[in-house]
Amino acid sequence: MLGESLEGNKRVKASHQVRRAAPAASGLVAGLKTQNVGSTRYLDAAGFKGRSVGL
């Protein structure tokens, strides 16, 4: 959804977040990068740091 870019140049609150799971027995830690723009959440990347693009 790109509605926030089409609303008459109104400013929309945006934020980002990185969440990490507890380490697995192997030591790998899953991560999830998200952005919130207005009331819409975008999932940017998920996986393992050093093994997944975007983390």
N, C-alpha and C. Protein backbone atom coordinates (compact mmCIF):
# COMPACT_ATOMS: atom_id res chain seq x y z
N MET A 1 0.85 -1.18 0.00
CA MET A 1 0.00 0.00 0.00
C MET A 1 0.89 1.23 0.00
N LEU A 2 0.58 2.15 -0.85
CA LEU A 2 1.35 3.39 -0.90
C LEU A 2 0.47 4.60 -0.67
N GLY A 3 -0.63 4.40 -0.01
CA GLY A 3 -1.57 5.48 0.24
C GLY A 3 -0.96 6.67 0.96
N GLU A 4 0.03 6.43 1.83
CA GLU A 4 0.62 7.54 2.57
C GLU A 4 1.35 8.51 1.66
N SER A 5 1.73 8.10 0.46
CA SER A 5 2.42 9.01 -0.46
C SER A 5 1.44 9.79 -1.33
N LEU A 6 0.16 9.50 -1.21
CA LEU A 6 -0.83 10.12 -2.09
C LEU A 6 -1.84 10.99 -1.35
N GLU A 7 -1.60 11.31 -0.11
CA GLU A 7 -2.60 12.02 0.69
C GLU A 7 -2.35 13.52 0.77
N GLY A 8 -2.15 14.19 -0.36
CA GLY A 8 -2.04 15.63 -0.38
C GLY A 8 -0.86 16.19 0.39
N ASN A 9 0.27 15.52 0.34
CA ASN A 9 1.50 15.97 0.98
C ASN A 9 1.40 16.09 2.50
N LYS A 10 0.48 15.38 3.12
CA LYS A 10 0.38 15.38 4.58
C LYS A 10 1.55 14.58 5.15
N ARG A 11 2.12 15.07 6.24
CA ARG A 11 3.18 14.32 6.92
C ARG A 11 2.57 13.11 7.62
N VAL A 12 3.25 11.98 7.49
CA VAL A 12 2.81 10.74 8.12
C VAL A 12 3.92 10.27 9.04
N LYS A 13 3.57 9.87 10.25
CA LYS A 13 4.56 9.38 11.20
C LYS A 13 5.14 8.06 10.71
N ALA A 14 6.46 7.95 10.76
CA ALA A 14 7.14 6.73 10.33
C ALA A 14 8.15 6.30 11.40
N SER A 15 8.31 5.01 11.56
CA SER A 15 9.29 4.48 12.50
C SER A 15 9.78 3.12 11.99
N HIS A 16 10.89 2.65 12.52
CA HIS A 16 11.38 1.33 12.14
C HIS A 16 11.75 0.56 13.40
N GLN A 17 11.82 -0.76 13.24
CA GLN A 17 12.08 -1.60 14.39
C GLN A 17 12.81 -2.86 13.92
N VAL A 18 13.71 -3.35 14.75
CA VAL A 18 14.38 -4.63 14.51
C VAL A 18 14.07 -5.51 15.71
N ARG A 19 13.52 -6.67 15.44
CA ARG A 19 13.20 -7.61 16.52
C ARG A 19 14.11 -8.83 16.37
N ARG A 20 14.56 -9.37 17.48
CA ARG A 20 15.42 -10.55 17.46
C ARG A 20 14.85 -11.60 18.40
N ALA A 21 14.91 -12.84 17.95
CA ALA A 21 14.47 -13.97 18.77
C ALA A 21 15.60 -14.38 19.70
N ALA A 22 15.28 -15.19 20.67
CA ALA A 22 16.31 -15.75 21.55
C ALA A 22 17.20 -16.67 20.71
N PRO A 23 18.48 -16.75 21.03
CA PRO A 23 19.38 -17.62 20.26
C PRO A 23 18.95 -19.08 20.32
N ALA A 24 19.06 -19.75 19.18
CA ALA A 24 18.78 -21.19 19.12
C ALA A 24 19.98 -21.94 19.70
N ALA A 25 19.85 -23.24 19.86
CA ALA A 25 20.94 -24.06 20.39
C ALA A 25 22.19 -23.94 19.51
N SER A 26 21.99 -23.69 18.23
CA SER A 26 23.11 -23.54 17.29
C SER A 26 23.79 -22.18 17.41
N GLY A 27 23.16 -21.26 18.14
CA GLY A 27 23.71 -19.91 18.29
C GLY A 27 23.12 -18.91 17.31
N LEU A 28 22.35 -19.39 16.33
CA LEU A 28 21.74 -18.47 15.36
C LEU A 28 20.61 -17.68 16.02
N VAL A 29 20.50 -16.42 15.62
CA VAL A 29 19.45 -15.54 16.13
C VAL A 29 18.64 -15.03 14.95
N ALA A 30 17.36 -15.34 14.93
CA ALA A 30 16.48 -14.87 13.86
C ALA A 30 16.16 -13.40 14.10
N GLY A 31 16.11 -12.63 13.00
CA GLY A 31 15.80 -11.21 13.09
C GLY A 31 14.69 -10.83 12.13
N LEU A 32 13.96 -9.77 12.46
CA LEU A 32 12.88 -9.26 11.62
C LEU A 32 12.97 -7.74 11.63
N LYS A 33 13.09 -7.13 10.43
CA LYS A 33 13.11 -5.67 10.30
C LYS A 33 11.77 -5.22 9.75
N THR A 34 11.15 -4.24 10.42
CA THR A 34 9.86 -3.71 9.98
C THR A 34 9.91 -2.18 9.97
N GLN A 35 8.97 -1.59 9.23
CA GLN A 35 8.73 -0.16 9.24
C GLN A 35 7.25 0.06 9.45
N ASN A 36 6.91 1.09 10.20
CA ASN A 36 5.52 1.52 10.33
C ASN A 36 5.42 2.91 9.71
N VAL A 37 4.54 3.04 8.73
CA VAL A 37 4.30 4.32 8.08
C VAL A 37 2.81 4.58 8.20
N GLY A 38 2.47 5.58 9.00
CA GLY A 38 1.06 5.80 9.30
C GLY A 38 0.54 4.57 10.04
N SER A 39 -0.53 3.98 9.56
CA SER A 39 -1.09 2.79 10.20
C SER A 39 -0.71 1.51 9.46
N THR A 40 0.22 1.60 8.52
CA THR A 40 0.63 0.44 7.73
C THR A 40 1.99 -0.08 8.18
N ARG A 41 2.09 -1.39 8.39
CA ARG A 41 3.37 -2.02 8.75
C ARG A 41 3.93 -2.71 7.51
N TYR A 42 5.21 -2.45 7.25
CA TYR A 42 5.93 -3.07 6.14
C TYR A 42 6.98 -4.01 6.70
N LEU A 43 7.04 -5.23 6.21
CA LEU A 43 8.07 -6.19 6.60
C LEU A 43 9.20 -6.06 5.59
N ASP A 44 10.38 -5.65 6.06
CA ASP A 44 11.50 -5.37 5.17
C ASP A 44 12.41 -6.57 4.96
N ALA A 45 12.74 -7.28 6.00
CA ALA A 45 13.64 -8.42 5.88
C ALA A 45 13.48 -9.32 7.09
N ALA A 46 13.74 -10.60 6.88
CA ALA A 46 13.71 -11.56 7.97
C ALA A 46 14.73 -12.65 7.69
N GLY A 47 15.32 -13.16 8.73
CA GLY A 47 16.30 -14.24 8.56
C GLY A 47 17.38 -14.15 9.62
N PHE A 48 18.60 -14.50 9.22
CA PHE A 48 19.72 -14.56 10.15
C PHE A 48 20.82 -13.60 9.71
N LYS A 49 21.30 -12.77 10.63
CA LYS A 49 22.35 -11.79 10.32
C LYS A 49 23.57 -12.53 9.74
N GLY A 50 24.07 -12.00 8.63
CA GLY A 50 25.21 -12.62 7.98
C GLY A 50 24.83 -13.73 7.02
N ARG A 51 23.57 -14.12 7.04
CA ARG A 51 23.09 -15.21 6.16
C ARG A 51 21.91 -14.78 5.29
N SER A 52 21.32 -13.64 5.61
CA SER A 52 20.13 -13.17 4.89
C SER A 52 20.38 -11.75 4.39
N VAL A 53 19.92 -11.46 3.19
CA VAL A 53 20.08 -10.11 2.62
C VAL A 53 19.18 -9.15 3.37
N GLY A 54 19.71 -7.99 3.72
CA GLY A 54 18.93 -6.95 4.35
C GLY A 54 19.03 -6.90 5.86
N LEU A 55 19.66 -7.88 6.45
CA LEU A 55 19.83 -7.87 7.90
C LEU A 55 21.26 -7.53 8.20
